[in-house]
Amino acid sequence: MASPRAGGHREVENLDDPVHHEHIRAALATDHAGREYKLVRATTQVVAGSLHTYYIHFDGDDEGELYKITAWSRPWLKEPTEALQVTFVGKHVEKE
Protein backbone atom coordinates (compact mmCIF):
# COMPACT_ATOMS: atom_id res chain seq x y z
CA MET A 1 0.00 0.00 0.00
CA ALA A 2 1.37 3.41 -0.95
CA SER A 3 1.94 5.93 1.81
CA PRO A 4 -0.31 9.01 1.80
CA ARG A 5 0.99 12.09 0.01
CA ALA A 6 0.77 15.42 1.78
CA GLY A 7 -2.19 17.41 0.50
CA GLY A 8 -3.73 14.62 -1.57
CA HIS A 9 -7.28 13.39 -0.87
CA ARG A 10 -7.63 9.65 -0.51
CA GLU A 11 -10.86 7.64 -0.35
CA VAL A 12 -11.30 5.75 2.92
CA GLU A 13 -11.86 2.05 2.28
CA ASN A 14 -12.80 0.87 5.78
CA LEU A 15 -15.91 2.87 6.69
CA ASP A 16 -16.41 0.63 9.76
CA ASP A 17 -13.28 1.91 11.53
CA PRO A 18 -14.41 2.97 15.04
CA VAL A 19 -12.27 6.12 14.87
CA HIS A 20 -14.41 7.47 12.04
CA HIS A 21 -17.58 6.94 14.05
CA GLU A 22 -16.06 8.59 17.13
CA HIS A 23 -15.37 11.68 15.00
CA ILE A 24 -18.90 11.67 13.60
CA ARG A 25 -20.55 11.25 17.01
CA ALA A 26 -18.46 14.13 18.37
CA ALA A 27 -19.64 16.38 15.52
CA LEU A 28 -23.28 15.37 16.05
CA ALA A 29 -23.17 15.73 19.85
CA THR A 30 -24.68 19.20 20.03
CA ASP A 31 -27.60 19.32 17.60
CA HIS A 32 -28.03 15.76 16.36
CA ALA A 33 -27.08 13.58 19.34
CA GLY A 34 -28.60 10.13 19.21
CA ARG A 35 -29.73 10.31 15.58
CA GLU A 36 -29.06 7.15 13.65
CA TYR A 37 -26.90 7.63 10.58
CA LYS A 38 -25.10 5.69 7.88
CA LEU A 39 -21.56 6.61 6.80
CA VAL A 40 -21.81 6.70 3.01
CA ARG A 41 -18.38 7.95 1.95
CA ALA A 42 -15.20 9.32 3.54
CA THR A 43 -11.90 10.83 2.48
CA THR A 44 -8.72 11.62 4.33
CA GLN A 45 -6.06 14.19 3.57
CA VAL A 46 -2.59 14.50 5.07
CA VAL A 47 -2.03 18.07 6.24
CA ALA A 48 -0.56 19.24 9.57
CA GLY A 49 -2.16 16.12 11.01
CA SER A 50 -4.98 14.53 9.06
CA LEU A 51 -8.22 15.99 7.76
CA HIS A 52 -11.08 13.52 7.54
CA THR A 53 -14.21 14.35 5.57
CA TYR A 54 -17.31 12.25 6.17
CA TYR A 55 -20.57 12.12 4.24
CA ILE A 56 -23.46 10.67 6.21
CA HIS A 57 -27.14 9.99 5.64
CA PHE A 58 -29.56 10.21 8.59
CA ASP A 59 -32.06 7.38 8.93
CA GLY A 60 -35.52 8.67 8.09
CA ASP A 61 -34.34 11.50 5.81
CA ASP A 62 -34.96 11.63 2.07
CA GLU A 63 -32.84 9.15 0.14
CA GLY A 64 -29.73 10.74 -1.29
CA GLU A 65 -29.67 13.59 1.24
CA LEU A 66 -26.09 13.76 2.53
CA TYR A 67 -24.51 15.77 5.33
CA LYS A 68 -20.83 16.67 5.54
CA ILE A 69 -18.65 16.44 8.66
CA THR A 70 -14.96 17.30 8.94
CA ALA A 71 -12.50 16.18 11.61
CA TRP A 72 -9.00 17.65 11.88
CA SER A 73 -6.83 15.34 13.95
CA ARG A 74 -3.52 16.51 15.43
CA PRO A 75 -2.85 13.90 18.13
CA TRP A 76 0.50 15.35 19.22
CA LEU A 77 -1.21 18.44 20.69
CA LYS A 78 -1.94 18.19 24.42
CA GLU A 79 -5.12 20.33 24.53
CA PRO A 80 -8.03 18.03 23.54
CA THR A 81 -9.97 20.81 21.78
CA GLU A 82 -6.93 21.49 19.60
CA ALA A 83 -5.95 17.84 19.07
CA LEU A 84 -9.31 17.05 17.48
CA GLN A 85 -11.53 19.66 15.90
CA VAL A 86 -14.81 18.37 14.49
CA THR A 87 -17.34 20.36 12.49
CA PHE A 88 -20.84 19.49 11.34
CA VAL A 89 -20.72 21.39 8.05
CA GLY A 90 -24.34 20.64 7.13
CA LYS A 91 -26.24 19.54 4.06
CA HIS A 92 -23.92 18.56 1.23
CA VAL A 93 -24.72 19.45 -2.36
CA GLU A 94 -22.77 17.67 -5.10
CA LYS A 95 -21.15 20.09 -7.55
CA GLU A 96 -22.15 19.48 -11.15
PDB file of N, CA and C in Angstrom:
ATOM      1  N   MET A   1       0.837  -1.170   0.000  1.00  0.00           N
ATOM      2  CA  MET A   1       0.000   0.000   0.000  1.00  0.00           C
ATOM      3  C   MET A   1       0.886   1.238   0.000  1.00  0.00           C
ATOM      4  N   ALA A   2       0.589   2.178  -0.856  1.00  0.00           N
ATOM      5  CA  ALA A   2       1.373   3.410  -0.952  1.00  0.00           C
ATOM      6  C   ALA A   2       1.108   4.299   0.251  1.00  0.00           C
ATOM      7  N   SER A   3       2.136   5.014   0.685  1.00  0.00           N
ATOM      8  CA  SER A   3       1.937   5.927   1.808  1.00  0.00           C
ATOM      9  C   SER A   3       1.231   7.178   1.320  1.00  0.00           C
ATOM     10  N   PRO A   4       0.431   7.824   2.209  1.00  0.00           N
ATOM     11  CA  PRO A   4      -0.308   9.007   1.804  1.00  0.00           C
ATOM     12  C   PRO A   4       0.623  10.153   1.434  1.00  0.00           C
ATOM     13  N   ARG A   5       0.233  10.914   0.418  1.00  0.00           N
ATOM     14  CA  ARG A   5       0.987  12.093   0.011  1.00  0.00           C
ATOM     15  C   ARG A   5       0.389  13.308   0.681  1.00  0.00           C
ATOM     16  N   ALA A   6       1.239  14.205   1.139  1.00  0.00           N
ATOM     17  CA  ALA A   6       0.765  15.422   1.777  1.00  0.00           C
ATOM     18  C   ALA A   6      -0.122  16.191   0.812  1.00  0.00           C
ATOM     19  N   GLY A   7      -1.278  16.596   1.291  1.00  0.00           N
ATOM     20  CA  GLY A   7      -2.188  17.409   0.505  1.00  0.00           C
ATOM     21  C   GLY A   7      -3.145  16.647  -0.380  1.00  0.00           C
ATOM     22  N   GLY A   8      -2.880  15.377  -0.665  1.00  0.00           N
ATOM     23  CA  GLY A   8      -3.734  14.617  -1.573  1.00  0.00           C
ATOM     24  C   GLY A   8      -4.897  13.968  -0.847  1.00  0.00           C
ATOM     25  N   HIS A   9      -6.109  14.071  -1.427  1.00  0.00           N
ATOM     26  CA  HIS A   9      -7.279  13.394  -0.869  1.00  0.00           C
ATOM     27  C   HIS A   9      -7.222  11.925  -1.230  1.00  0.00           C
ATOM     28  N   ARG A  10      -7.628  11.097  -0.289  1.00  0.00           N
ATOM     29  CA  ARG A  10      -7.630   9.653  -0.506  1.00  0.00           C
ATOM     30  C   ARG A  10      -8.950   9.101   0.013  1.00  0.00           C
ATOM     31  N   GLU A  11      -9.613   8.279  -0.777  1.00  0.00           N
ATOM     32  CA  GLU A  11     -10.864   7.643  -0.350  1.00  0.00           C
ATOM     33  C   GLU A  11     -10.569   6.669   0.787  1.00  0.00           C
ATOM     34  N   VAL A  12     -11.418   6.674   1.795  1.00  0.00           N
ATOM     35  CA  VAL A  12     -11.302   5.751   2.917  1.00  0.00           C
ATOM     36  C   VAL A  12     -11.997   4.453   2.526  1.00  0.00           C
ATOM     37  N   GLU A  13     -11.297   3.343   2.654  1.00  0.00           N
ATOM     38  CA  GLU A  13     -11.855   2.053   2.280  1.00  0.00           C
ATOM     39  C   GLU A  13     -12.644   1.408   3.412  1.00  0.00           C
ATOM     40  N   ASN A  14     -12.150   1.512   4.645  1.00  0.00           N
ATOM     41  CA  ASN A  14     -12.803   0.865   5.784  1.00  0.00           C
ATOM     42  C   ASN A  14     -13.712   1.866   6.503  1.00  0.00           C
ATOM     43  N   LEU A  15     -14.958   1.936   6.082  1.00  0.00           N
ATOM     44  CA  LEU A  15     -15.906   2.866   6.694  1.00  0.00           C
ATOM     45  C   LEU A  15     -16.362   2.392   8.069  1.00  0.00           C
ATOM     46  N   ASP A  16     -16.022   1.167   8.452  1.00  0.00           N
ATOM     47  CA  ASP A  16     -16.413   0.632   9.756  1.00  0.00           C
ATOM     48  C   ASP A  16     -15.403   0.925  10.855  1.00  0.00           C
ATOM     49  N   ASP A  17     -14.309   1.586  10.541  1.00  0.00           N
ATOM     50  CA  ASP A  17     -13.282   1.906  11.535  1.00  0.00           C
ATOM     51  C   ASP A  17     -13.911   2.717  12.665  1.00  0.00           C
ATOM     52  N   PRO A  18     -13.799   2.271  13.912  1.00  0.00           N
ATOM     53  CA  PRO A  18     -14.411   2.972  15.039  1.00  0.00           C
ATOM     54  C   PRO A  18     -13.966   4.427  15.186  1.00  0.00           C
ATOM     55  N   VAL A  19     -12.757   4.743  14.772  1.00  0.00           N
ATOM     56  CA  VAL A  19     -12.266   6.125  14.874  1.00  0.00           C
ATOM     57  C   VAL A  19     -13.151   7.066  14.060  1.00  0.00           C
ATOM     58  N   HIS A  20     -13.555   6.638  12.882  1.00  0.00           N
ATOM     59  CA  HIS A  20     -14.413   7.474  12.044  1.00  0.00           C
ATOM     60  C   HIS A  20     -15.727   7.771  12.760  1.00  0.00           C
ATOM     61  N   HIS A  21     -16.296   6.767  13.385  1.00  0.00           N
ATOM     62  CA  HIS A  21     -17.585   6.936  14.050  1.00  0.00           C
ATOM     63  C   HIS A  21     -17.448   7.760  15.332  1.00  0.00           C
ATOM     64  N   GLU A  22     -16.304   7.701  15.989  1.00  0.00           N
ATOM     65  CA  GLU A  22     -16.059   8.588  17.133  1.00  0.00           C
ATOM     66  C   GLU A  22     -16.057  10.041  16.671  1.00  0.00           C
ATOM     67  N   HIS A  23     -15.398  10.324  15.550  1.00  0.00           N
ATOM     68  CA  HIS A  23     -15.371  11.680  15.000  1.00  0.00           C
ATOM     69  C   HIS A  23     -16.780  12.153  14.663  1.00  0.00           C
ATOM     70  N   ILE A  24     -17.541  11.303  14.015  1.00  0.00           N
ATOM     71  CA  ILE A  24     -18.901  11.673  13.599  1.00  0.00           C
ATOM     72  C   ILE A  24     -19.774  11.936  14.815  1.00  0.00           C
ATOM     73  N   ARG A  25     -19.729  11.050  15.808  1.00  0.00           N
ATOM     74  CA  ARG A  25     -20.553  11.246  17.014  1.00  0.00           C
ATOM     75  C   ARG A  25     -20.179  12.540  17.734  1.00  0.00           C
ATOM     76  N   ALA A  26     -18.889  12.880  17.744  1.00  0.00           N
ATOM     77  CA  ALA A  26     -18.461  14.132  18.369  1.00  0.00           C
ATOM     78  C   ALA A  26     -19.040  15.329  17.629  1.00  0.00           C
ATOM     79  N   ALA A  27     -19.098  15.270  16.304  1.00  0.00           N
ATOM     80  CA  ALA A  27     -19.642  16.376  15.515  1.00  0.00           C
ATOM     81  C   ALA A  27     -21.160  16.488  15.680  1.00  0.00           C
ATOM     82  N   LEU A  28     -21.824  15.380  15.915  1.00  0.00           N
ATOM     83  CA  LEU A  28     -23.281  15.374  16.049  1.00  0.00           C
ATOM     84  C   LEU A  28     -23.741  15.631  17.482  1.00  0.00           C
ATOM     85  N   ALA A  29     -22.825  15.677  18.427  1.00  0.00           N
ATOM     86  CA  ALA A  29     -23.168  15.728  19.850  1.00  0.00           C
ATOM     87  C   ALA A  29     -24.067  16.894  20.237  1.00  0.00           C
ATOM     88  N   THR A  30     -23.923  18.025  19.610  1.00  0.00           N
ATOM     89  CA  THR A  30     -24.682  19.202  20.025  1.00  0.00           C
ATOM     90  C   THR A  30     -26.111  19.192  19.498  1.00  0.00           C
ATOM     91  N   ASP A  31     -26.263  19.158  18.193  1.00  0.00           N
ATOM     92  CA  ASP A  31     -27.596  19.321  17.603  1.00  0.00           C
ATOM     93  C   ASP A  31     -28.255  18.032  17.125  1.00  0.00           C
ATOM     94  N   HIS A  32     -27.479  16.986  16.950  1.00  0.00           N
ATOM     95  CA  HIS A  32     -28.026  15.764  16.359  1.00  0.00           C
ATOM     96  C   HIS A  32     -27.699  14.524  17.189  1.00  0.00           C
ATOM     97  N   ALA A  33     -27.457  14.705  18.472  1.00  0.00           N
ATOM     98  CA  ALA A  33     -27.079  13.584  19.345  1.00  0.00           C
ATOM     99  C   ALA A  33     -28.146  12.495  19.312  1.00  0.00           C
ATOM    100  N   GLY A  34     -27.705  11.272  19.172  1.00  0.00           N
ATOM    101  CA  GLY A  34     -28.604  10.129  19.207  1.00  0.00           C
ATOM    102  C   GLY A  34     -29.264   9.786  17.884  1.00  0.00           C
ATOM    103  N   ARG A  35     -29.128  10.632  16.877  1.00  0.00           N
ATOM    104  CA  ARG A  35     -29.732  10.313  15.577  1.00  0.00           C
ATOM    105  C   ARG A  35     -28.951   9.185  14.924  1.00  0.00           C
ATOM    106  N   GLU A  36     -29.686   8.253  14.368  1.00  0.00           N
ATOM    107  CA  GLU A  36     -29.058   7.151  13.649  1.00  0.00           C
ATOM    108  C   GLU A  36     -28.607   7.656  12.283  1.00  0.00           C
ATOM    109  N   TYR A  37     -27.449   7.188  11.861  1.00  0.00           N
ATOM    110  CA  TYR A  37     -26.903   7.627  10.577  1.00  0.00           C
ATOM    111  C   TYR A  37     -26.195   6.460   9.907  1.00  0.00           C
ATOM    112  N   LYS A  38     -25.901   6.652   8.636  1.00  0.00           N
ATOM    113  CA  LYS A  38     -25.096   5.692   7.880  1.00  0.00           C
ATOM    114  C   LYS A  38     -23.950   6.476   7.252  1.00  0.00           C
ATOM    115  N   LEU A  39     -22.725   6.007   7.444  1.00  0.00           N
ATOM    116  CA  LEU A  39     -21.563   6.610   6.799  1.00  0.00           C
ATOM    117  C   LEU A  39     -21.535   6.113   5.358  1.00  0.00           C
ATOM    118  N   VAL A  40     -21.694   7.050   4.424  1.00  0.00           N
ATOM    119  CA  VAL A  40     -21.812   6.704   3.012  1.00  0.00           C
ATOM    120  C   VAL A  40     -20.460   6.743   2.310  1.00  0.00           C
ATOM    121  N   ARG A  41     -19.655   7.755   2.639  1.00  0.00           N
ATOM    122  CA  ARG A  41     -18.379   7.951   1.953  1.00  0.00           C
ATOM    123  C   ARG A  41     -17.473   8.752   2.872  1.00  0.00           C
ATOM    124  N   ALA A  42     -16.158   8.567   2.728  1.00  0.00           N
ATOM    125  CA  ALA A  42     -15.199   9.317   3.538  1.00  0.00           C
ATOM    126  C   ALA A  42     -13.899   9.483   2.770  1.00  0.00           C
ATOM    127  N   THR A  43     -13.236  10.603   3.026  1.00  0.00           N
ATOM    128  CA  THR A  43     -11.902  10.833   2.480  1.00  0.00           C
ATOM    129  C   THR A  43     -10.992  11.264   3.609  1.00  0.00           C
ATOM    130  N   THR A  44      -9.708  11.124   3.382  1.00  0.00           N
ATOM    131  CA  THR A  44      -8.720  11.616   4.331  1.00  0.00           C
ATOM    132  C   THR A  44      -7.660  12.371   3.549  1.00  0.00           C
ATOM    133  N   GLN A  45      -7.071  13.353   4.205  1.00  0.00           N
ATOM    134  CA  GLN A  45      -6.059  14.187   3.568  1.00  0.00           C
ATOM    135  C   GLN A  45      -4.964  14.447   4.587  1.00  0.00           C
ATOM    136  N   VAL A  46      -3.714  14.242   4.186  1.00  0.00           N
ATOM    137  CA  VAL A  46      -2.586  14.504   5.069  1.00  0.00           C
ATOM    138  C   VAL A  46      -2.256  15.992   4.983  1.00  0.00           C
ATOM    139  N   VAL A  47      -2.381  16.652   6.119  1.00  0.00           N
ATOM    140  CA  VAL A  47      -2.032  18.071   6.245  1.00  0.00           C
ATOM    141  C   VAL A  47      -1.164  18.150   7.492  1.00  0.00           C
ATOM    142  N   ALA A  48      -1.223  19.216   8.269  1.00  0.00           N
ATOM    143  CA  ALA A  48      -0.556  19.238   9.571  1.00  0.00           C
ATOM    144  C   ALA A  48      -1.435  18.389  10.481  1.00  0.00           C
ATOM    145  N   GLY A  49      -1.263  17.083  10.398  1.00  0.00           N
ATOM    146  CA  GLY A  49      -2.163  16.118  11.010  1.00  0.00           C
ATOM    147  C   GLY A  49      -2.913  15.434   9.882  1.00  0.00           C
ATOM    148  N   SER A  50      -4.174  15.104  10.138  1.00  0.00           N
ATOM    149  CA  SER A  50      -4.982  14.528   9.063  1.00  0.00           C
ATOM    150  C   SER A  50      -6.369  15.148   9.098  1.00  0.00           C
ATOM    151  N   LEU A  51      -6.882  15.424   7.913  1.00  0.00           N
ATOM    152  CA  LEU A  51      -8.215  15.995   7.765  1.00  0.00           C
ATOM    153  C   LEU A  51      -9.107  14.915   7.186  1.00  0.00           C
ATOM    154  N   HIS A  52     -10.126  14.544   7.964  1.00  0.00           N
ATOM    155  CA  HIS A  52     -11.080  13.524   7.539  1.00  0.00           C
ATOM    156  C   HIS A  52     -12.362  14.227   7.130  1.00  0.00           C
ATOM    157  N   THR A  53     -12.925  13.816   6.017  1.00  0.00           N
ATOM    158  CA  THR A  53     -14.206  14.351   5.565  1.00  0.00           C
ATOM    159  C   THR A  53     -15.176  13.188   5.451  1.00  0.00           C
ATOM    160  N   TYR A  54     -16.319  13.314   6.133  1.00  0.00           N
ATOM    161  CA  TYR A  54     -17.313  12.249   6.170  1.00  0.00           C
ATOM    162  C   TYR A  54     -18.608  12.733   5.530  1.00  0.00           C
ATOM    163  N   TYR A  55     -19.268  11.840   4.828  1.00  0.00           N
ATOM    164  CA  TYR A  55     -20.566  12.122   4.239  1.00  0.00           C
ATOM    165  C   TYR A  55     -21.528  11.089   4.811  1.00  0.00           C
ATOM    166  N   ILE A  56     -22.535  11.580   5.532  1.00  0.00           N
ATOM    167  CA  ILE A  56     -23.463  10.672   6.206  1.00  0.00           C
ATOM    168  C   ILE A  56     -24.884  10.916   5.711  1.00  0.00           C
ATOM    169  N   HIS A  57     -25.714   9.915   5.933  1.00  0.00           N
ATOM    170  CA  HIS A  57     -27.145   9.992   5.642  1.00  0.00           C
ATOM    171  C   HIS A  57     -27.861   9.639   6.936  1.00  0.00           C
ATOM    172  N   PHE A  58     -28.791  10.500   7.384  1.00  0.00           N
ATOM    173  CA  PHE A  58     -29.561  10.208   8.585  1.00  0.00           C
ATOM    174  C   PHE A  58     -30.709   9.269   8.241  1.00  0.00           C
ATOM    175  N   ASP A  59     -30.916   8.271   9.095  1.00  0.00           N
ATOM    176  CA  ASP A  59     -32.062   7.381   8.933  1.00  0.00           C
ATOM    177  C   ASP A  59     -33.330   8.220   9.001  1.00  0.00           C
ATOM    178  N   GLY A  60     -34.256   7.959   8.102  1.00  0.00           N
ATOM    179  CA  GLY A  60     -35.524   8.668   8.093  1.00  0.00           C
ATOM    180  C   GLY A  60     -35.539   9.904   7.204  1.00  0.00           C
ATOM    181  N   ASP A  61     -34.386  10.356   6.727  1.00  0.00           N
ATOM    182  CA  ASP A  61     -34.339  11.500   5.814  1.00  0.00           C
ATOM    183  C   ASP A  61     -34.547  11.025   4.381  1.00  0.00           C
ATOM    184  N   ASP A  62     -34.802  11.965   3.492  1.00  0.00           N
ATOM    185  CA  ASP A  62     -34.957  11.632   2.075  1.00  0.00           C
ATOM    186  C   ASP A  62     -33.720  10.903   1.573  1.00  0.00           C
ATOM    187  N   GLU A  63     -33.948   9.912   0.734  1.00  0.00           N
ATOM    188  CA  GLU A  63     -32.842   9.148   0.140  1.00  0.00           C
ATOM    189  C   GLU A  63     -31.953  10.082  -0.665  1.00  0.00           C
ATOM    190  N   GLY A  64     -30.674   9.925  -0.542  1.00  0.00           N
ATOM    191  CA  GLY A  64     -29.727  10.741  -1.291  1.00  0.00           C
ATOM    192  C   GLY A  64     -29.350  12.041  -0.603  1.00  0.00           C
ATOM    193  N   GLU A  65     -29.992  12.360   0.519  1.00  0.00           N
ATOM    194  CA  GLU A  65     -29.667  13.592   1.237  1.00  0.00           C
ATOM    195  C   GLU A  65     -28.449  13.321   2.125  1.00  0.00           C
ATOM    196  N   LEU A  66     -27.328  13.979   1.813  1.00  0.00           N
ATOM    197  CA  LEU A  66     -26.090  13.755   2.534  1.00  0.00           C
ATOM    198  C   LEU A  66     -25.714  14.975   3.357  1.00  0.00           C
ATOM    199  N   TYR A  67     -25.033  14.723   4.467  1.00  0.00           N
ATOM    200  CA  TYR A  67     -24.510  15.773   5.329  1.00  0.00           C
ATOM    201  C   TYR A  67     -23.004  15.589   5.444  1.00  0.00           C
ATOM    202  N   LYS A  68     -22.295  16.692   5.519  1.00  0.00           N
ATOM    203  CA  LYS A  68     -20.826  16.669   5.541  1.00  0.00           C
ATOM    204  C   LYS A  68     -20.319  17.001   6.938  1.00  0.00           C
ATOM    205  N   ILE A  69     -19.320  16.237   7.376  1.00  0.00           N
ATOM    206  CA  ILE A  69     -18.646  16.435   8.661  1.00  0.00           C
ATOM    207  C   ILE A  69     -17.151  16.424   8.397  1.00  0.00           C
ATOM    208  N   THR A  70     -16.418  17.327   9.033  1.00  0.00           N
ATOM    209  CA  THR A  70     -14.959  17.295   8.938  1.00  0.00           C
ATOM    210  C   THR A  70     -14.368  17.085  10.324  1.00  0.00           C
ATOM    211  N   ALA A  71     -13.236  16.398  10.366  1.00  0.00           N
ATOM    212  CA  ALA A  71     -12.500  16.176  11.609  1.00  0.00           C
ATOM    213  C   ALA A  71     -11.025  16.395  11.321  1.00  0.00           C
ATOM    214  N   TRP A  72     -10.425  17.350  12.026  1.00  0.00           N
ATOM    215  CA  TRP A  72      -9.000  17.651  11.880  1.00  0.00           C
ATOM    216  C   TRP A  72      -8.295  17.080  13.091  1.00  0.00           C
ATOM    217  N   SER A  73      -7.508  16.052  12.873  1.00  0.00           N
ATOM    218  CA  SER A  73      -6.833  15.335  13.950  1.00  0.00           C
ATOM    219  C   SER A  73      -5.354  15.708  14.001  1.00  0.00           C
ATOM    220  N   ARG A  74      -4.925  16.207  15.179  1.00  0.00           N
ATOM    221  CA  ARG A  74      -3.516  16.512  15.433  1.00  0.00           C
ATOM    222  C   ARG A  74      -3.165  15.928  16.803  1.00  0.00           C
ATOM    223  N   PRO A  75      -2.973  14.606  16.856  1.00  0.00           N
ATOM    224  CA  PRO A  75      -2.848  13.896  18.129  1.00  0.00           C
ATOM    225  C   PRO A  75      -1.648  14.292  18.984  1.00  0.00           C
ATOM    226  N   TRP A  76      -0.667  14.968  18.437  1.00  0.00           N
ATOM    227  CA  TRP A  76       0.500  15.355  19.222  1.00  0.00           C
ATOM    228  C   TRP A  76       0.217  16.565  20.112  1.00  0.00           C
ATOM    229  N   LEU A  77      -0.869  17.285  19.872  1.00  0.00           N
ATOM    230  CA  LEU A  77      -1.208  18.438  20.695  1.00  0.00           C
ATOM    231  C   LEU A  77      -1.834  17.974  22.013  1.00  0.00           C
ATOM    232  N   LYS A  78      -1.473  18.621  23.095  1.00  0.00           N
ATOM    233  CA  LYS A  78      -1.937  18.195  24.419  1.00  0.00           C
ATOM    234  C   LYS A  78      -3.363  18.648  24.731  1.00  0.00           C
ATOM    235  N   GLU A  79      -3.778  19.807  24.263  1.00  0.00           N
ATOM    236  CA  GLU A  79      -5.119  20.328  24.528  1.00  0.00           C
ATOM    237  C   GLU A  79      -6.134  19.565  23.666  1.00  0.00           C
ATOM    238  N   PRO A  80      -7.076  18.850  24.303  1.00  0.00           N
ATOM    239  CA  PRO A  80      -8.026  18.031  23.537  1.00  0.00           C
ATOM    240  C   PRO A  80      -8.821  18.801  22.479  1.00  0.00           C
ATOM    241  N   THR A  81      -9.188  20.044  22.765  1.00  0.00           N
ATOM    242  CA  THR A  81      -9.970  20.805  21.783  1.00  0.00           C
ATOM    243  C   THR A  81      -9.135  21.217  20.581  1.00  0.00           C
ATOM    244  N   GLU A  82      -7.821  21.210  20.730  1.00  0.00           N
ATOM    245  CA  GLU A  82      -6.930  21.489  19.604  1.00  0.00           C
ATOM    246  C   GLU A  82      -6.509  20.206  18.891  1.00  0.00           C
ATOM    247  N   ALA A  83      -6.395  19.119  19.643  1.00  0.00           N
ATOM    248  CA  ALA A  83      -5.952  17.844  19.074  1.00  0.00           C
ATOM    249  C   ALA A  83      -6.980  17.272  18.102  1.00  0.00           C
ATOM    250  N   LEU A  84      -8.261  17.516  18.370  1.00  0.00           N
ATOM    251  CA  LEU A  84      -9.311  17.045  17.480  1.00  0.00           C
ATOM    252  C   LEU A  84     -10.369  18.132  17.360  1.00  0.00           C
ATOM    253  N   GLN A  85     -10.506  18.658  16.169  1.00  0.00           N
ATOM    254  CA  GLN A  85     -11.531  19.662  15.895  1.00  0.00           C
ATOM    255  C   GLN A  85     -12.519  19.071  14.901  1.00  0.00           C
ATOM    256  N   VAL A  86     -13.769  18.937  15.344  1.00  0.00           N
ATOM    257  CA  VAL A  86     -14.806  18.369  14.487  1.00  0.00           C
ATOM    258  C   VAL A  86     -15.837  19.437  14.160  1.00  0.00           C
ATOM    259  N   THR A  87     -16.368  19.373  12.948  1.00  0.00           N
ATOM    260  CA  THR A  87     -17.344  20.356  12.489  1.00  0.00           C
ATOM    261  C   THR A  87     -18.454  19.660  11.715  1.00  0.00           C
ATOM    262  N   PHE A  88     -19.691  19.925  12.120  1.00  0.00           N
ATOM    263  CA  PHE A  88     -20.838  19.485  11.340  1.00  0.00           C
ATOM    264  C   PHE A  88     -21.081  20.593  10.326  1.00  0.00           C
ATOM    265  N   VAL A  89     -20.653  20.368   9.086  1.00  0.00           N
ATOM    266  CA  VAL A  89     -20.724  21.394   8.054  1.00  0.00           C
ATOM    267  C   VAL A  89     -22.172  21.609   7.618  1.00  0.00           C
ATOM    268  N   GLY A  90     -22.946  20.543   7.527  1.00  0.00           N
ATOM    269  CA  GLY A  90     -24.341  20.637   7.132  1.00  0.00           C
ATOM    270  C   GLY A  90     -24.640  19.885   5.858  1.00  0.00           C
ATOM    271  N   LYS A  91     -25.776  20.232   5.267  1.00  0.00           N
ATOM    272  CA  LYS A  91     -26.236  19.538   4.064  1.00  0.00           C
ATOM    273  C   LYS A  91     -25.222  19.689   2.946  1.00  0.00           C
ATOM    274  N   HIS A  92     -24.915  18.577   2.307  1.00  0.00           N
ATOM    275  CA  HIS A  92     -23.917  18.560   1.230  1.00  0.00           C
ATOM    276  C   HIS A  92     -24.629  18.545  -0.114  1.00  0.00           C
ATOM    277  N   VAL A  93     -24.185  19.398  -0.993  1.00  0.00           N
ATOM    278  CA  VAL A  93     -24.722  19.446  -2.355  1.00  0.00           C
ATOM    279  C   VAL A  93     -23.579  19.112  -3.312  1.00  0.00           C
ATOM    280  N   GLU A  94     -23.791  18.065  -4.117  1.00  0.00           N
ATOM    281  CA  GLU A  94     -22.766  17.675  -5.098  1.00  0.00           C
ATOM    282  C   GLU A  94     -22.634  18.756  -6.153  1.00  0.00           C
ATOM    283  N   LYS A  95     -21.394  19.113  -6.480  1.00  0.00           N
ATOM    284  CA  LYS A  95     -21.154  20.085  -7.550  1.00  0.00           C
ATOM    285  C   LYS A  95     -21.312  19.394  -8.889  1.00  0.00           C
ATOM    286  N   GLU A  96     -21.923  20.093  -9.824  1.00  0.00           N
ATOM    287  CA  GLU A  96     -22.151  19.484 -11.146  1.00  0.00           C
ATOM    288  C   GLU A  96     -21.022  19.816 -12.074  1.00  0.00           C
TER     289      GLU A  96
END
